[in-house]
C-alpha cells in the first residue's frame, strides 16, 4: 500500500516537472537570431515531447 502511494506521488512530481519544462521557450540569441547552445542542446529543446492531445 505504501509503495503504491509513494509510486503515485513520485510519478505526479515527475510529470509536473516535465510539464513545466515544456512551458519554457528554447533559449535564443536575439542578436544573431539563432538558438543558443550546442546542436545537441538545440535539438533536445526543439524536439521535446508535448502533452497536447
N, C-alpha and C. Protein backbone atom coordinates (compact mmCIF):
# COMPACT_ATOMS: atom_id res chain seq x y z
N UNK A 1 0.82 -1.20 0.00
CA UNK A 1 0.00 0.00 0.00
C UNK A 1 0.87 1.27 0.00
N UNK A 2 1.85 1.30 0.88
CA UNK A 2 2.71 2.48 0.97
C UNK A 2 3.54 2.61 -0.30
N UNK A 3 3.98 1.49 -0.86
CA UNK A 3 4.74 1.55 -2.12
C UNK A 3 3.90 2.16 -3.23
N UNK A 4 2.63 1.81 -3.28
CA UNK A 4 1.74 2.34 -4.31
C UNK A 4 1.58 3.85 -4.15
N UNK A 5 1.41 4.30 -2.94
CA UNK A 5 1.24 5.73 -2.68
C UNK A 5 2.52 6.49 -3.04
N UNK A 6 3.67 5.94 -2.65
CA UNK A 6 4.94 6.58 -3.00
C UNK A 6 5.16 6.61 -4.50
N UNK A 7 4.80 5.54 -5.19
CA UNK A 7 4.94 5.50 -6.64
C UNK A 7 4.06 6.55 -7.30
N UNK A 8 2.82 6.66 -6.86
CA UNK A 8 1.91 7.66 -7.43
C UNK A 8 2.39 9.07 -7.15
N UNK A 9 2.90 9.30 -5.97
CA UNK A 9 3.43 10.62 -5.63
C UNK A 9 4.65 10.95 -6.49
N UNK A 10 5.53 9.98 -6.66
CA UNK A 10 6.72 10.18 -7.49
C UNK A 10 6.35 10.47 -8.94
N UNK A 11 5.43 9.71 -9.51
CA UNK A 11 5.04 9.94 -10.90
C UNK A 11 4.33 11.28 -11.07
N UNK A 12 3.57 11.69 -10.07
CA UNK A 12 2.91 13.00 -10.15
C UNK A 12 3.95 14.13 -10.15
N UNK A 13 4.95 14.02 -9.30
CA UNK A 13 6.00 15.04 -9.25
C UNK A 13 6.82 15.03 -10.53
N UNK A 14 7.10 13.86 -11.05
CA UNK A 14 7.88 13.75 -12.28
C UNK A 14 7.13 14.35 -13.46
N UNK A 15 5.85 14.09 -13.57
CA UNK A 15 5.08 14.63 -14.68
C UNK A 15 4.93 16.14 -14.56
N UNK A 16 4.88 16.65 -13.35
CA UNK A 16 4.76 18.10 -13.15
C UNK A 16 6.02 18.81 -13.65
N UNK A 17 7.19 18.27 -13.34
CA UNK A 17 8.42 18.94 -13.77
C UNK A 17 8.59 18.87 -15.28
N UNK A 18 8.18 17.79 -15.90
CA UNK A 18 8.30 17.72 -17.36
C UNK A 18 7.30 18.65 -18.03
N UNK A 19 6.12 18.82 -17.43
CA UNK A 19 5.15 19.75 -17.99
C UNK A 19 5.63 21.19 -17.86
N UNK A 20 6.30 21.50 -16.76
CA UNK A 20 6.82 22.85 -16.58
C UNK A 20 7.93 23.14 -17.58
N UNK A 21 8.74 22.16 -17.90
CA UNK A 21 9.82 22.41 -18.85
C UNK A 21 9.29 22.63 -20.26
N UNK A 22 8.10 22.14 -20.55
CA UNK A 22 7.52 22.35 -21.86
C UNK A 22 6.99 23.77 -22.03
N UNK A 23 6.74 24.44 -20.92
CA UNK A 23 6.18 25.78 -20.98
C UNK A 23 7.24 26.87 -21.10
N UNK A 24 8.50 26.49 -21.09
CA UNK A 24 9.56 27.48 -21.22
C UNK A 24 10.09 27.47 -22.65
N UNK A 25 10.30 28.63 -23.23
CA UNK A 25 10.80 28.67 -24.61
C UNK A 25 12.27 28.25 -24.67
N UNK A 26 12.69 27.82 -25.83
CA UNK A 26 14.09 27.48 -26.04
C UNK A 26 14.92 28.77 -26.00
N UNK A 27 16.12 28.67 -25.46
CA UNK A 27 16.99 29.85 -25.38
C UNK A 27 17.39 30.28 -26.77
N UNK A 28 17.45 31.58 -26.98
CA UNK A 28 17.87 32.09 -28.29
C UNK A 28 18.70 33.34 -28.11
N UNK A 29 19.51 33.60 -29.10
CA UNK A 29 20.35 34.79 -29.13
C UNK A 29 19.64 35.82 -30.01
N UNK A 30 19.22 36.92 -29.42
CA UNK A 30 18.44 37.91 -30.15
C UNK A 30 19.28 38.70 -31.15
N UNK A 31 20.58 38.74 -30.98
CA UNK A 31 21.44 39.48 -31.89
C UNK A 31 21.61 38.71 -33.20
N UNK A 32 21.91 37.42 -33.09
CA UNK A 32 22.13 36.61 -34.29
C UNK A 32 20.86 35.92 -34.77
N UNK A 33 19.79 36.02 -34.00
CA UNK A 33 18.51 35.37 -34.31
C UNK A 33 18.69 33.86 -34.50
N UNK A 34 19.48 33.26 -33.61
CA UNK A 34 19.72 31.82 -33.65
C UNK A 34 19.48 31.24 -32.26
N UNK A 35 19.22 29.95 -32.21
CA UNK A 35 19.06 29.29 -30.93
C UNK A 35 20.40 29.18 -30.24
N UNK A 36 20.42 29.38 -28.94
CA UNK A 36 21.65 29.30 -28.16
C UNK A 36 21.95 27.86 -27.80
N UNK A 37 23.21 27.57 -27.57
CA UNK A 37 23.63 26.25 -27.15
C UNK A 37 24.21 25.43 -28.29
N UNK A 38 24.66 24.24 -27.92
CA UNK A 38 25.23 23.33 -28.92
C UNK A 38 24.11 22.75 -29.77
N UNK A 39 24.48 22.06 -30.81
CA UNK A 39 23.48 21.44 -31.69
C UNK A 39 22.64 20.42 -30.93
N UNK A 40 23.25 19.69 -30.01
CA UNK A 40 22.52 18.69 -29.22
C UNK A 40 21.53 19.36 -28.28
N UNK A 41 21.95 20.45 -27.62
CA UNK A 41 21.06 21.19 -26.72
C UNK A 41 19.88 21.78 -27.49
N UNK A 42 20.15 22.30 -28.67
CA UNK A 42 19.08 22.85 -29.50
C UNK A 42 18.08 21.77 -29.89
N UNK A 43 18.58 20.61 -30.29
CA UNK A 43 17.70 19.51 -30.69
C UNK A 43 16.87 19.03 -29.53
N UNK A 44 17.47 18.92 -28.35
CA UNK A 44 16.71 18.49 -27.16
C UNK A 44 15.58 19.45 -26.85
N UNK A 45 15.84 20.73 -26.99
CA UNK A 45 14.81 21.72 -26.69
C UNK A 45 13.72 21.71 -27.76
N UNK A 46 14.12 21.71 -29.00
CA UNK A 46 13.14 21.82 -30.09
C UNK A 46 12.34 20.53 -30.30
N UNK A 47 12.91 19.39 -29.96
CA UNK A 47 12.24 18.11 -30.19
C UNK A 47 11.68 17.50 -28.91
N UNK A 48 11.52 18.31 -27.87
CA UNK A 48 10.98 17.77 -26.61
C UNK A 48 9.51 17.35 -26.82
N UNK A 49 9.09 16.35 -26.10
CA UNK A 49 7.70 15.88 -26.26
C UNK A 49 6.70 16.90 -25.72
N UNK A 50 5.52 16.88 -26.27
CA UNK A 50 4.48 17.76 -25.75
C UNK A 50 3.30 16.91 -25.29
N UNK A 51 2.45 17.48 -24.48
CA UNK A 51 1.33 16.75 -23.91
C UNK A 51 0.01 17.17 -24.53
N UNK A 52 0.05 17.73 -25.72
CA UNK A 52 -1.17 18.17 -26.37
C UNK A 52 -1.87 16.97 -26.99
N UNK A 53 -3.16 16.88 -26.76
CA UNK A 53 -3.96 15.82 -27.35
C UNK A 53 -3.75 14.55 -26.69
